[in-house]
Amino acid sequence: MLTLILGPMCSGKSLDLIHFFSKLNYTDRSFKIIQPSANIRDENLQTRQGASLPSIKINSLSEIEKFAMVEYLGLDEVHMFETTTIREARRSLKPILRLLNRGVKIFVSGLDLNYQGKMFNIVQALFELGPNEVKMKNSVCVKCQNMDAAYSQVLNQKGKPITRNLPPILPDDGTYLYEPRCRRCFVRPSD
């Protein structure tokens, strides 16, 4: 079973993971939650509202197979494992496919769209694995307060949208500012 929880920042993706995995604490089911070591904002799986669960940091998706003995596996911030090509993304997901074939139930959350409004390669490759369930989340647009924000706008320190020349994985260390935006307020790169 593969479940994807996708959407912009501040849409409740991590909260969905915490909601599901916190219930497993009251069962005899084995589980682990993992995150990319590139996620320096949080030490554990944590919501912006303060709810959290312990997680383990990994550098690469190739490390995921050491969790083959659990029944449930949570993977947060999957977009931080972004690759430069779709072919590399497909290759990087082979360990996840092997775990799925062993019967591990995997829940993946992360941004679906990058700062230009394009789908991350890693997310496209996850869709190609044939998820059993996809939860698309929305946030509240910071500009107009519509509740259908599907994009994460990256801003410079002066609050101006950045639409070009950024690396695929952006640090959440204060270098950039981020805002959820709806389709009308999201600034796309000009062609």
Foldseek 3Di string as FASTA:
>chain_A
DEEEEEFAPPFCQLVVVCVVVVVCVVDPFFEAEEEAPLQPVDQFSAHPVGDTDHHYHDNALVVVLVVLPGQEYEYEAQLLNFDPDLVVLLVRCPSVLVSVVSNRYYYYYHYQAFQQRHGGSNNVSVVVSPGPYYHYTFDQFPPPRDGHFGHKFKAAPVRHTDADDDDSHDHPPPRIDITGHHPVPRDHDDD
